[in-house]
Amino acid sequence: MKQCRTIFQDGDHRWLAIVRDPNRAGHVIDTNEYLIESGGDSLLCDPGGIEIFPAVFSALCAETDPNRVKAIFASHQDPDIISSLALWLDFNPGLKCYTSWLWSSFLPHFGGTAETFASLPDEGGSIPVGDLDLEAVPAHYLHSSGNFHLYDRGAKILFSGDVGAALLPPEQDDLFVKDFDQHIQYAAGFHRRWMGSNEAKRRWCERVAVMNIDMLCPQHGAIYQGEDVARFIDWFDQLTVGIL
């Protein structure tokens, strides 16, 4: 089963990772979900697919009150990101879903009404959670044409969706990257195929290289922290993408 683990805490602010599930069906890609708590409210980042909703919900309930979840952030439109939306809305019909304007008329096919969606312009914007203001950081074409990452400036955490993702073998289940050189081999093929624009990749690397980031949290695989954040950005900047 999935486990919910605290990755950072500052007073009543807490950042949780709902991490990889060794018992998942083998034909389903493994994913990470992230929860940000502040001032009695929570935001769930990339809540996952419909098929893993029970595991995500159970892990979350074991650690915190699910009634605190007031909003969802969908970095893009993929089913492993957001196809569980209807089930979250069954639990709380008043949930807000923050996503690119590009997907605000597509994601309702997963559930919700026009009032469910808070559309983000291409340049991004601010997302309130309790007394925090999170930043939607443009990451278009990496890999989705309407794509955002979520940045918490105070905690120095960037939730990076598919950027930084690694398809790890089952025996490698560490929460954080321990050996960058050994880890990055599981990210290379994924990034070459799924990231479709070298120009978009270069712009993203330039943007995030000047941000203060202590943790880079992807949707698949382990979390980069400390010096490994800059190592990943440098590695990604030099990688040729959009090829088989």
Foldseek 3Di string as FASTA:
>chain_A
DWAKAWPDDDVQWTKIKRAFDLPDDPVDATWIKMWIAAQLAIEIEQQFALVCVVVSVVNDVVPDDLVRYQEYEAQDDDRRRDLNPAVNCVVPVRYAYEFAPVCLVPCCVSNHDNNRYDHAYQCWDWDDTHPFTKTWHHLAPQPHNGGTWIAGQVVQEIEDELQVAFRDDSVPGDQADDDLVVGCVRVQVVFQARRADLVSLLVVLVVCVPGRHQWYHYTHDHIYGDPVVVVSSVVSNPHHHNDD
